[in-house]
Protein backbone atom coordinates (compact mmCIF):
# COMPACT_ATOMS: atom_id res chain seq x y z
CA MET A 1 106.89 177.03 144.94
CA SER A 2 107.79 174.20 142.71
CA PRO A 3 109.56 171.10 144.14
CA CYS A 4 113.26 170.83 143.36
CA ALA A 5 114.31 168.33 140.71
CA ALA A 6 115.42 165.87 143.45
CA CYS A 7 111.88 165.88 145.09
CA ARG A 8 110.14 165.54 141.68
CA GLY A 9 112.61 162.36 141.25
CA ILE A 10 111.36 160.83 144.57
CA ARG A 11 107.58 161.38 143.71
CA VAL A 12 108.17 159.70 140.37
CA HIS A 13 109.99 156.90 142.05
CA GLU A 14 107.28 156.47 144.77
CA LYS A 15 104.43 156.31 141.85
CA SER A 16 106.67 153.56 140.04
CA THR A 17 106.99 151.68 143.31
CA VAL A 18 103.26 151.97 144.00
CA ARG A 19 102.38 150.68 140.34
CA VAL A 20 104.74 147.65 140.76
CA LEU A 21 103.01 146.64 144.00
CA VAL A 22 99.62 147.10 142.45
CA VAL A 23 100.64 144.96 139.53
CA VAL A 24 102.37 142.23 141.58
CA THR A 25 99.31 142.19 143.87
CA LEU A 26 97.03 141.69 141.21
CA LEU A 27 99.18 138.93 139.48
CA ILE A 28 99.19 137.11 142.82
CA PHE A 29 95.44 137.47 143.33
CA GLY A 30 94.87 136.31 139.84
CA ILE A 31 96.88 133.23 140.16
CA SER A 32 95.33 132.34 143.41
CA ILE A 33 91.86 132.69 141.92
CA LEU A 34 93.07 130.46 138.92
CA ILE A 35 94.51 127.76 141.18
CA GLY A 36 91.45 127.80 143.30
CA CYS A 37 89.05 127.55 140.42
CA ALA A 38 90.98 124.89 138.81
CA GLY A 39 91.76 123.06 142.01
CA LYS A 40 91.02 119.33 141.82
CA GLY A 41 90.78 116.75 144.58
CA ALA A 42 93.76 114.31 145.29
CA PRO A 43 94.52 111.63 142.70
CA ALA A 44 92.57 108.53 143.02
CA THR A 45 92.57 105.04 141.40
CA LEU A 46 89.47 102.50 141.24
CA SER A 47 89.26 98.85 140.45
CA GLY A 48 86.84 96.06 140.95
CA GLU A 49 84.48 93.49 139.54
CA VAL A 50 81.34 93.88 137.50
CA ARG A 51 78.65 91.23 137.49
CA PHE A 52 75.41 91.22 135.83
CA GLN A 53 72.59 88.72 137.19
CA GLY A 54 75.50 86.88 139.15
CA GLN A 55 77.74 86.51 135.91
CA PRO A 56 80.85 88.42 135.17
CA VAL A 57 80.58 91.04 132.41
CA GLU A 58 82.95 89.63 129.85
CA LYS A 59 83.29 92.59 127.72
CA GLY A 60 81.88 96.21 128.25
CA SER A 61 82.85 99.61 129.63
CA ILE A 62 82.46 101.69 132.81
CA ARG A 63 82.43 105.30 132.66
CA LEU A 64 82.79 107.85 135.78
CA ASP A 65 81.28 111.45 135.39
CA PRO A 66 82.20 113.99 138.03
CA MET A 67 79.12 115.21 140.14
CA ALA A 68 80.68 118.28 141.71
CA GLY A 69 82.49 119.64 138.75
CA GLU A 70 85.86 118.33 140.07
CA GLY A 71 87.88 116.07 137.79
CA GLU A 72 87.03 114.97 134.19
CA PRO A 73 85.00 112.06 132.94
CA ALA A 74 86.95 108.84 132.61
CA ALA A 75 86.13 105.24 131.06
CA VAL A 76 87.84 102.07 130.86
CA PRO A 77 87.00 98.72 129.35
CA ILE A 78 85.59 95.75 131.46
CA THR A 79 87.31 92.60 130.44
CA ASN A 80 86.57 89.16 132.04
CA GLY A 81 84.65 90.89 134.68
CA ARG A 82 87.25 93.23 135.98
CA TYR A 83 88.05 97.04 135.30
CA GLU A 84 90.77 99.27 136.48
CA PHE A 85 91.22 103.07 136.37
CA GLY A 86 95.01 103.29 137.01
CA PRO A 87 97.17 106.48 138.12
CA GLY A 88 97.00 107.88 134.64
CA SER A 89 93.19 107.64 134.34
CA GLY A 90 92.77 111.28 135.63
CA LEU A 91 90.52 110.40 138.47
CA VAL A 92 90.51 112.61 141.64
CA SER A 93 88.75 112.07 145.00
CA GLY A 94 85.12 113.11 144.95
CA ARG A 95 81.61 112.00 143.96
CA TYR A 96 80.76 110.35 140.36
CA ARG A 97 77.93 109.01 138.59
CA VAL A 98 78.81 105.49 137.22
CA SER A 99 77.65 104.17 133.91
CA ILE A 100 78.31 100.41 132.98
CA MET A 101 77.65 99.05 129.46
CA GLY A 102 77.89 95.23 128.73
CA HIS A 103 78.31 93.72 125.23
CA ARG A 104 77.85 90.26 124.07
CA VAL A 105 77.87 88.52 120.73
CA VAL A 106 74.67 87.71 119.12
CA GLY A 107 75.70 86.52 115.85
CA THR A 108 78.06 87.03 112.91
CA ARG A 109 77.97 88.24 109.49
CA VAL A 110 80.34 88.34 106.47
CA ASP A 111 81.74 91.82 105.40
CA PRO A 112 80.89 91.83 101.79
CA GLU A 113 83.71 94.32 100.99
CA THR A 114 86.42 92.30 102.82
CA GLY A 115 84.92 88.75 103.11
CA GLN A 116 85.76 89.10 106.89
CA THR A 117 83.49 87.49 109.51
CA ILE A 118 82.38 90.13 111.86
CA GLU A 119 80.80 89.56 115.26
CA GLU A 120 77.34 91.25 115.84
CA THR A 121 76.94 92.49 119.51
CA GLU A 122 74.25 93.89 121.50
CA GLN A 123 74.37 96.06 124.76
CA TYR A 124 72.44 94.15 127.34
CA ILE A 125 72.88 95.96 130.54
CA PRO A 126 69.49 97.89 131.53
CA ASP A 127 69.22 101.50 131.18
CA GLN A 128 69.18 102.11 134.99
CA TYR A 129 72.99 101.23 135.01
CA ASN A 130 74.03 103.55 131.95
CA THR A 131 71.95 105.94 129.97
CA ARG A 132 69.58 106.56 133.07
CA THR A 133 71.99 105.47 135.66
CA THR A 134 71.26 105.50 139.35
CA LEU A 135 74.92 104.38 140.32
CA GLU A 136 77.07 106.73 142.19
CA ILE A 137 80.37 106.36 143.93
CA THR A 138 82.49 108.52 146.19
CA LEU A 139 86.22 108.04 145.69
CA SER A 140 88.80 108.68 148.46
CA PRO A 141 92.28 109.88 147.82
CA GLY A 142 94.68 107.09 146.75
CA GLN A 143 93.33 103.53 145.90
CA ASN A 144 89.71 102.56 145.89
CA THR A 145 87.93 99.13 145.20
CA GLN A 146 84.35 98.93 144.18
CA ASP A 147 82.47 95.94 142.84
CA PHE A 148 79.27 96.23 140.95
CA ASP A 149 76.72 93.38 141.33
CA LEU A 150 74.10 94.39 138.84
CA LYS A 151 70.51 92.80 138.78
């Protein structure tokens, strides 16, 4: 016996409902995975001073690279021995590798095309603090302060 027209309509309706529930469940699951994979720690800021051999690093830069895959690398200038990663820097709580570079003027030269005097600089901070850094920091959510006294 074949089912009546009304019963066929119910079965079609049941199948549609099941499909909708499956699609909604998969969407929720997919969004949850994306949020979980892209999840970051809480926002963090960092500021402090940088000294080399007891003297403030007048000009340079400090860079933080995330160690656990959370967050993005960030860098800011060092000016008159101070640095600050503010709220817009993209830092989040977690562990970071720290690289510090310092630049000092070692001479001047005249640009032959423009006639302007250009400062010649050198990077003077040892490799153990930048290209082969041994420095690490763990940031907590919110404001963090860390001074670096490099030898």
